Amino acid sequence: MATLTDRVPQNIAGKYYVDTSCIDCDQCRAIAPDFFGRNEDGMSFVKQQPETAEEIAEVDEATEACATCSIGNDGA
């Protein structure tokens, strides 16, 4: 389960974030490339927060597919 206090600093502010437990599997970037990026340390981060129901569904799909549960959705 992702931890808000361990979020990757490159995350854009908002509800969704990636924490430091990311293993760079690329799953989230493959599912939702408009919303996830990769930093120079090899961790994903949220580069854009979803707004529409369709975008939220896409990010939620990526969240569910995350092998390490590194994507959280409780940010502010």
PDB file of N, CA and C in Angstrom:
ATOM      1  N   MET A   1       0.836  -1.171   0.000  1.00  0.00           N
ATOM      2  CA  MET A   1       0.000   0.000   0.000  1.00  0.00           C
ATOM      3  C   MET A   1       0.890   1.245   0.000  1.00  0.00           C
ATOM      4  N   ALA A   2       0.604   2.162  -0.889  1.00  0.00           N
ATOM      5  CA  ALA A   2       1.391   3.387  -1.004  1.00  0.00           C
ATOM      6  C   ALA A   2       1.264   4.235   0.263  1.00  0.00           C
ATOM      7  N   THR A   3       2.345   4.927   0.578  1.00  0.00           N
ATOM      8  CA  THR A   3       2.385   5.773   1.765  1.00  0.00           C
ATOM      9  C   THR A   3       2.610   7.219   1.345  1.00  0.00           C
ATOM     10  N   LEU A   4       1.700   8.085   1.720  1.00  0.00           N
ATOM     11  CA  LEU A   4       1.759   9.487   1.337  1.00  0.00           C
ATOM     12  C   LEU A   4       3.062  10.148   1.773  1.00  0.00           C
ATOM     13  N   THR A   5       3.563   9.809   2.944  1.00  0.00           N
ATOM     14  CA  THR A   5       4.794  10.429   3.437  1.00  0.00           C
ATOM     15  C   THR A   5       6.032   9.972   2.661  1.00  0.00           C
ATOM     16  N   ASP A   6       5.920   8.887   1.882  1.00  0.00           N
ATOM     17  CA  ASP A   6       7.037   8.376   1.087  1.00  0.00           C
ATOM     18  C   ASP A   6       6.877   8.685  -0.397  1.00  0.00           C
ATOM     19  N   ARG A   7       6.032   9.636  -0.725  1.00  0.00           N
ATOM     20  CA  ARG A   7       5.782   9.945  -2.136  1.00  0.00           C
ATOM     21  C   ARG A   7       7.037  10.466  -2.828  1.00  0.00           C
ATOM     22  N   VAL A   8       7.172  10.121  -4.095  1.00  0.00           N
ATOM     23  CA  VAL A   8       8.289  10.578  -4.920  1.00  0.00           C
ATOM     24  C   VAL A   8       8.122  12.088  -5.115  1.00  0.00           C
ATOM     25  N   PRO A   9       9.191  12.881  -4.963  1.00  0.00           N
ATOM     26  CA  PRO A   9       9.052  14.343  -5.019  1.00  0.00           C
ATOM     27  C   PRO A   9       8.553  14.902  -6.353  1.00  0.00           C
ATOM     28  N   GLN A  10       8.710  14.167  -7.432  1.00  0.00           N
ATOM     29  CA  GLN A  10       8.283  14.664  -8.741  1.00  0.00           C
ATOM     30  C   GLN A  10       6.771  14.594  -8.962  1.00  0.00           C
ATOM     31  N   ASN A  11       6.041  13.923  -8.082  1.00  0.00           N
ATOM     32  CA  ASN A  11       4.587  13.854  -8.222  1.00  0.00           C
ATOM     33  C   ASN A  11       3.985  15.250  -8.262  1.00  0.00           C
ATOM     34  N   ILE A  12       3.080  15.463  -9.202  1.00  0.00           N
ATOM     35  CA  ILE A  12       2.341  16.721  -9.229  1.00  0.00           C
ATOM     36  C   ILE A  12       1.322  16.671  -8.085  1.00  0.00           C
ATOM     37  N   ALA A  13       1.036  17.802  -7.503  1.00  0.00           N
ATOM     38  CA  ALA A  13       0.093  17.840  -6.382  1.00  0.00           C
ATOM     39  C   ALA A  13      -1.274  17.321  -6.802  1.00  0.00           C
ATOM     40  N   GLY A  14      -1.910  16.594  -5.900  1.00  0.00           N
ATOM     41  CA  GLY A  14      -3.249  16.083  -6.154  1.00  0.00           C
ATOM     42  C   GLY A  14      -3.481  14.764  -5.456  1.00  0.00           C
ATOM     43  N   LYS A  15      -4.590  14.167  -5.757  1.00  0.00           N
ATOM     44  CA  LYS A  15      -5.043  12.948  -5.095  1.00  0.00           C
ATOM     45  C   LYS A  15      -4.130  11.750  -5.355  1.00  0.00           C
ATOM     46  N   TYR A  16      -3.667  11.585  -6.581  1.00  0.00           N
ATOM     47  CA  TYR A  16      -2.857  10.418  -6.939  1.00  0.00           C
ATOM     48  C   TYR A  16      -1.371  10.719  -6.803  1.00  0.00           C
ATOM     49  N   TYR A  17      -0.601   9.705  -6.409  1.00  0.00           N
ATOM     50  CA  TYR A  17       0.844   9.841  -6.263  1.00  0.00           C
ATOM     51  C   TYR A  17       1.489   8.459  -6.337  1.00  0.00           C
ATOM     52  N   VAL A  18       2.792   8.431  -6.561  1.00  0.00           N
ATOM     53  CA  VAL A  18       3.585   7.201  -6.502  1.00  0.00           C
ATOM     54  C   VAL A  18       4.573   7.373  -5.361  1.00  0.00           C
ATOM     55  N   ASP A  19       4.770   6.300  -4.584  1.00  0.00           N
ATOM     56  CA  ASP A  19       5.735   6.398  -3.486  1.00  0.00           C
ATOM     57  C   ASP A  19       7.037   5.682  -3.846  1.00  0.00           C
ATOM     58  N   THR A  20       7.972   5.708  -2.919  1.00  0.00           N
ATOM     59  CA  THR A  20       9.326   5.212  -3.166  1.00  0.00           C
ATOM     60  C   THR A  20       9.442   3.692  -3.227  1.00  0.00           C
ATOM     61  N   SER A  21       8.359   2.971  -3.085  1.00  0.00           N
ATOM     62  CA  SER A  21       8.414   1.512  -3.215  1.00  0.00           C
ATOM     63  C   SER A  21       8.348   1.073  -4.678  1.00  0.00           C
ATOM     64  N   CYS A  22       8.256   2.017  -5.601  1.00  0.00           N
ATOM     65  CA  CYS A  22       8.204   1.735  -7.042  1.00  0.00           C
ATOM     66  C   CYS A  22       9.459   0.985  -7.474  1.00  0.00           C
ATOM     67  N   ILE A  23       9.286  -0.036  -8.333  1.00  0.00           N
ATOM     68  CA  ILE A  23      10.419  -0.830  -8.823  1.00  0.00           C
ATOM     69  C   ILE A  23      10.662  -0.626 -10.321  1.00  0.00           C
ATOM     70  N   ASP A  24      10.075   0.382 -10.910  1.00  0.00           N
ATOM     71  CA  ASP A  24      10.279   0.711 -12.320  1.00  0.00           C
ATOM     72  C   ASP A  24       9.860  -0.417 -13.256  1.00  0.00           C
ATOM     73  N   CYS A  25       8.713  -1.014 -12.992  1.00  0.00           N
ATOM     74  CA  CYS A  25       8.238  -2.103 -13.852  1.00  0.00           C
ATOM     75  C   CYS A  25       7.592  -1.574 -15.133  1.00  0.00           C
ATOM     76  N   ASP A  26       7.264  -0.290 -15.171  1.00  0.00           N
ATOM     77  CA  ASP A  26       6.702   0.379 -16.341  1.00  0.00           C
ATOM     78  C   ASP A  26       5.219   0.097 -16.570  1.00  0.00           C
ATOM     79  N   GLN A  27       4.599  -0.656 -15.703  1.00  0.00           N
ATOM     80  CA  GLN A  27       3.189  -1.022 -15.892  1.00  0.00           C
ATOM     81  C   GLN A  27       2.280   0.209 -15.925  1.00  0.00           C
ATOM     82  N   CYS A  28       2.431   1.113 -14.987  1.00  0.00           N
ATOM     83  CA  CYS A  28       1.558   2.290 -14.949  1.00  0.00           C
ATOM     84  C   CYS A  28       1.776   3.183 -16.169  1.00  0.00           C
ATOM     85  N   ARG A  29       3.022   3.300 -16.596  1.00  0.00           N
ATOM     86  CA  ARG A  29       3.319   4.133 -17.771  1.00  0.00           C
ATOM     87  C   ARG A  29       2.800   3.500 -19.046  1.00  0.00           C
ATOM     88  N   ALA A  30       2.714   2.183 -19.086  1.00  0.00           N
ATOM     89  CA  ALA A  30       2.167   1.494 -20.246  1.00  0.00           C
ATOM     90  C   ALA A  30       0.638   1.635 -20.290  1.00  0.00           C
ATOM     91  N   ILE A  31      -0.001   1.579 -19.142  1.00  0.00           N
ATOM     92  CA  ILE A  31      -1.462   1.656 -19.070  1.00  0.00           C
ATOM     93  C   ILE A  31      -1.956   3.093 -19.204  1.00  0.00           C
ATOM     94  N   ALA A  32      -1.289   4.016 -18.545  1.00  0.00           N
ATOM     95  CA  ALA A  32      -1.751   5.410 -18.507  1.00  0.00           C
ATOM     96  C   ALA A  32      -0.581   6.369 -18.760  1.00  0.00           C
ATOM     97  N   PRO A  33      -0.027   6.355 -19.968  1.00  0.00           N
ATOM     98  CA  PRO A  33       1.172   7.159 -20.251  1.00  0.00           C
ATOM     99  C   PRO A  33       0.967   8.669 -20.145  1.00  0.00           C
ATOM    100  N   ASP A  34      -0.237   9.136 -20.270  1.00  0.00           N
ATOM    101  CA  ASP A  34      -0.494  10.571 -20.128  1.00  0.00           C
ATOM    102  C   ASP A  34      -0.396  11.043 -18.681  1.00  0.00           C
ATOM    103  N   PHE A  35      -0.446  10.103 -17.749  1.00  0.00           N
ATOM    104  CA  PHE A  35      -0.518  10.460 -16.335  1.00  0.00           C
ATOM    105  C   PHE A  35       0.710  10.070 -15.519  1.00  0.00           C
ATOM    106  N   PHE A  36       1.526   9.165 -16.038  1.00  0.00           N
ATOM    107  CA  PHE A  36       2.703   8.710 -15.302  1.00  0.00           C
ATOM    108  C   PHE A  36       3.974   8.939 -16.108  1.00  0.00           C
ATOM    109  N   GLY A  37       5.008   9.391 -15.408  1.00  0.00           N
ATOM    110  CA  GLY A  37       6.316   9.589 -16.007  1.00  0.00           C
ATOM    111  C   GLY A  37       7.341   8.782 -15.241  1.00  0.00           C
ATOM    112  N   ARG A  38       8.607   8.880 -15.651  1.00  0.00           N
ATOM    113  CA  ARG A  38       9.716   8.177 -14.994  1.00  0.00           C
ATOM    114  C   ARG A  38      10.795   9.183 -14.652  1.00  0.00           C
ATOM    115  N   ASN A  39      11.251   9.165 -13.405  1.00  0.00           N
ATOM    116  CA  ASN A  39      12.316  10.087 -13.012  1.00  0.00           C
ATOM    117  C   ASN A  39      13.680   9.457 -13.279  1.00  0.00           C
ATOM    118  N   GLU A  40      14.739  10.220 -13.078  1.00  0.00           N
ATOM    119  CA  GLU A  40      16.084   9.733 -13.375  1.00  0.00           C
ATOM    120  C   GLU A  40      16.550   8.624 -12.434  1.00  0.00           C
ATOM    121  N   ASP A  41      15.847   8.436 -11.317  1.00  0.00           N
ATOM    122  CA  ASP A  41      16.172   7.350 -10.393  1.00  0.00           C
ATOM    123  C   ASP A  41      15.438   6.062 -10.749  1.00  0.00           C
ATOM    124  N   GLY A  42      14.642   6.086 -11.810  1.00  0.00           N
ATOM    125  CA  GLY A  42      13.930   4.896 -12.247  1.00  0.00           C
ATOM    126  C   GLY A  42      12.616   4.651 -11.538  1.00  0.00           C
ATOM    127  N   MET A  43      12.050   5.684 -10.959  1.00  0.00           N
ATOM    128  CA  MET A  43      10.747   5.544 -10.308  1.00  0.00           C
ATOM    129  C   MET A  43       9.700   6.303 -11.098  1.00  0.00           C
ATOM    130  N   SER A  44       8.512   5.734 -11.101  1.00  0.00           N
ATOM    131  CA  SER A  44       7.397   6.428 -11.746  1.00  0.00           C
ATOM    132  C   SER A  44       6.919   7.550 -10.838  1.00  0.00           C
ATOM    133  N   PHE A  45       6.219   8.483 -11.439  1.00  0.00           N
ATOM    134  CA  PHE A  45       5.581   9.560 -10.680  1.00  0.00           C
ATOM    135  C   PHE A  45       4.362  10.023 -11.462  1.00  0.00           C
ATOM    136  N   VAL A  46       3.448  10.678 -10.774  1.00  0.00           N
ATOM    137  CA  VAL A  46       2.253  11.207 -11.418  1.00  0.00           C
ATOM    138  C   VAL A  46       2.613  12.566 -12.002  1.00  0.00           C
ATOM    139  N   LYS A  47       2.522  12.657 -13.329  1.00  0.00           N
ATOM    140  CA  LYS A  47       2.874  13.909 -13.998  1.00  0.00           C
ATOM    141  C   LYS A  47       1.654  14.749 -14.334  1.00  0.00           C
ATOM    142  N   GLN A  48       0.481  14.147 -14.270  1.00  0.00           N
ATOM    143  CA  GLN A  48      -0.774  14.868 -14.511  1.00  0.00           C
ATOM    144  C   GLN A  48      -1.872  14.158 -13.736  1.00  0.00           C
ATOM    145  N   GLN A  49      -2.676  14.920 -13.033  1.00  0.00           N
ATOM    146  CA  GLN A  49      -3.797  14.350 -12.298  1.00  0.00           C
ATOM    147  C   GLN A  49      -4.979  14.150 -13.255  1.00  0.00           C
ATOM    148  N   PRO A  50      -5.677  13.019 -13.137  1.00  0.00           N
ATOM    149  CA  PRO A  50      -6.840  12.798 -13.983  1.00  0.00           C
ATOM    150  C   PRO A  50      -8.001  13.698 -13.552  1.00  0.00           C
ATOM    151  N   GLU A  51      -8.828  14.072 -14.514  1.00  0.00           N
ATOM    152  CA  GLU A  51      -9.969  14.946 -14.207  1.00  0.00           C
ATOM    153  C   GLU A  51     -11.304  14.328 -14.591  1.00  0.00           C
ATOM    154  N   THR A  52     -11.379  13.740 -15.766  1.00  0.00           N
ATOM    155  CA  THR A  52     -12.649  13.183 -16.219  1.00  0.00           C
ATOM    156  C   THR A  52     -12.836  11.770 -15.675  1.00  0.00           C
ATOM    157  N   ALA A  53     -14.043  11.270 -15.756  1.00  0.00           N
ATOM    158  CA  ALA A  53     -14.328   9.906 -15.305  1.00  0.00           C
ATOM    159  C   ALA A  53     -13.500   8.895 -16.084  1.00  0.00           C
ATOM    160  N   GLU A  54     -13.318   9.127 -17.369  1.00  0.00           N
ATOM    161  CA  GLU A  54     -12.520   8.231 -18.211  1.00  0.00           C
ATOM    162  C   GLU A  54     -11.053   8.251 -17.777  1.00  0.00           C
ATOM    163  N   GLU A  55     -10.523   9.432 -17.500  1.00  0.00           N
ATOM    164  CA  GLU A  55      -9.129   9.553 -17.050  1.00  0.00           C
ATOM    165  C   GLU A  55      -8.934   8.895 -15.692  1.00  0.00           C
ATOM    166  N   ILE A  56      -9.881   9.107 -14.797  1.00  0.00           N
ATOM    167  CA  ILE A  56      -9.801   8.496 -13.462  1.00  0.00           C
ATOM    168  C   ILE A  56      -9.820   6.977 -13.582  1.00  0.00           C
ATOM    169  N   ALA A  57     -10.664   6.449 -14.455  1.00  0.00           N
ATOM    170  CA  ALA A  57     -10.726   4.999 -14.664  1.00  0.00           C
ATOM    171  C   ALA A  57      -9.391   4.467 -15.175  1.00  0.00           C
ATOM    172  N   GLU A  58      -8.739   5.220 -16.057  1.00  0.00           N
ATOM    173  CA  GLU A  58      -7.436   4.815 -16.599  1.00  0.00           C
ATOM    174  C   GLU A  58      -6.378   4.775 -15.498  1.00  0.00           C
ATOM    175  N   VAL A  59      -6.347   5.793 -14.666  1.00  0.00           N
ATOM    176  CA  VAL A  59      -5.372   5.834 -13.568  1.00  0.00           C
ATOM    177  C   VAL A  59      -5.701   4.763 -12.521  1.00  0.00           C
ATOM    178  N   ASP A  60      -6.976   4.543 -12.266  1.00  0.00           N
ATOM    179  CA  ASP A  60      -7.360   3.480 -11.328  1.00  0.00           C
ATOM    180  C   ASP A  60      -6.942   2.104 -11.857  1.00  0.00           C
ATOM    181  N   GLU A  61      -7.038   1.895 -13.161  1.00  0.00           N
ATOM    182  CA  GLU A  61      -6.587   0.636 -13.760  1.00  0.00           C
ATOM    183  C   GLU A  61      -5.088   0.456 -13.528  1.00  0.00           C
ATOM    184  N   ALA A  62      -4.325   1.523 -13.723  1.00  0.00           N
ATOM    185  CA  ALA A  62      -2.885   1.469 -13.471  1.00  0.00           C
ATOM    186  C   ALA A  62      -2.601   1.200 -12.002  1.00  0.00           C
ATOM    187  N   THR A  63      -3.371   1.811 -11.130  1.00  0.00           N
ATOM    188  CA  THR A  63      -3.214   1.604  -9.690  1.00  0.00           C
ATOM    189  C   THR A  63      -3.435   0.145  -9.328  1.00  0.00           C
ATOM    190  N   GLU A  64      -4.476  -0.452  -9.858  1.00  0.00           N
ATOM    191  CA  GLU A  64      -4.795  -1.849  -9.568  1.00  0.00           C
ATOM    192  C   GLU A  64      -3.742  -2.797 -10.144  1.00  0.00           C
ATOM    193  N   ALA A  65      -3.111  -2.422 -11.250  1.00  0.00           N
ATOM    194  CA  ALA A  65      -2.109  -3.271 -11.897  1.00  0.00           C
ATOM    195  C   ALA A  65      -0.733  -3.168 -11.252  1.00  0.00           C
ATOM    196  N   CYS A  66      -0.526  -2.196 -10.388  1.00  0.00           N
ATOM    197  CA  CYS A  66       0.785  -1.980  -9.782  1.00  0.00           C
ATOM    198  C   CYS A  66       1.173  -3.160  -8.886  1.00  0.00           C
ATOM    199  N   ALA A  67       2.248  -3.847  -9.270  1.00  0.00           N
ATOM    200  CA  ALA A  67       2.694  -5.050  -8.555  1.00  0.00           C
ATOM    201  C   ALA A  67       3.141  -4.773  -7.123  1.00  0.00           C
ATOM    202  N   THR A  68       3.610  -3.561  -6.867  1.00  0.00           N
ATOM    203  CA  THR A  68       4.119  -3.223  -5.539  1.00  0.00           C
ATOM    204  C   THR A  68       3.169  -2.297  -4.757  1.00  0.00           C
ATOM    205  N   CYS A  69       2.010  -2.039  -5.314  1.00  0.00           N
ATOM    206  CA  CYS A  69       1.019  -1.151  -4.671  1.00  0.00           C
ATOM    207  C   CYS A  69       1.639   0.206  -4.338  1.00  0.00           C
ATOM    208  N   SER A  70       2.428   0.720  -5.269  1.00  0.00           N
ATOM    209  CA  SER A  70       3.152   1.982  -5.062  1.00  0.00           C
ATOM    210  C   SER A  70       2.357   3.218  -5.436  1.00  0.00           C
ATOM    211  N   ILE A  71       1.175   3.053  -5.998  1.00  0.00           N
ATOM    212  CA  ILE A  71       0.350   4.180  -6.397  1.00  0.00           C
ATOM    213  C   ILE A  71      -0.738   4.390  -5.360  1.00  0.00           C
ATOM    214  N   GLY A  72      -0.765   5.599  -4.818  1.00  0.00           N
ATOM    215  CA  GLY A  72      -1.776   5.943  -3.829  1.00  0.00           C
ATOM    216  C   GLY A  72      -2.780   6.916  -4.410  1.00  0.00           C
ATOM    217  N   ASN A  73      -3.917   7.015  -3.781  1.00  0.00           N
ATOM    218  CA  ASN A  73      -4.935   7.952  -4.222  1.00  0.00           C
ATOM    219  C   ASN A  73      -5.548   8.729  -3.078  1.00  0.00           C
ATOM    220  N   ASP A  74      -4.708   9.075  -2.127  1.00  0.00           N
ATOM    221  CA  ASP A  74      -5.183   9.822  -0.968  1.00  0.00           C
ATOM    222  C   ASP A  74      -4.431  11.136  -0.769  1.00  0.00           C
ATOM    223  N   GLY A  75      -3.732  11.581  -1.795  1.00  0.00           N
ATOM    224  CA  GLY A  75      -2.989  12.835  -1.695  1.00  0.00           C
ATOM    225  C   GLY A  75      -3.924  14.025  -1.692  1.00  0.00           C
ATOM    226  N   ALA A  76      -3.369  15.177  -1.417  1.00  0.00           N
ATOM    227  CA  ALA A  76      -4.194  16.388  -1.391  1.00  0.00           C
ATOM    228  C   ALA A  76      -3.610  17.428  -2.321  1.00  0.00           C
TER     229      ALA A  76
END
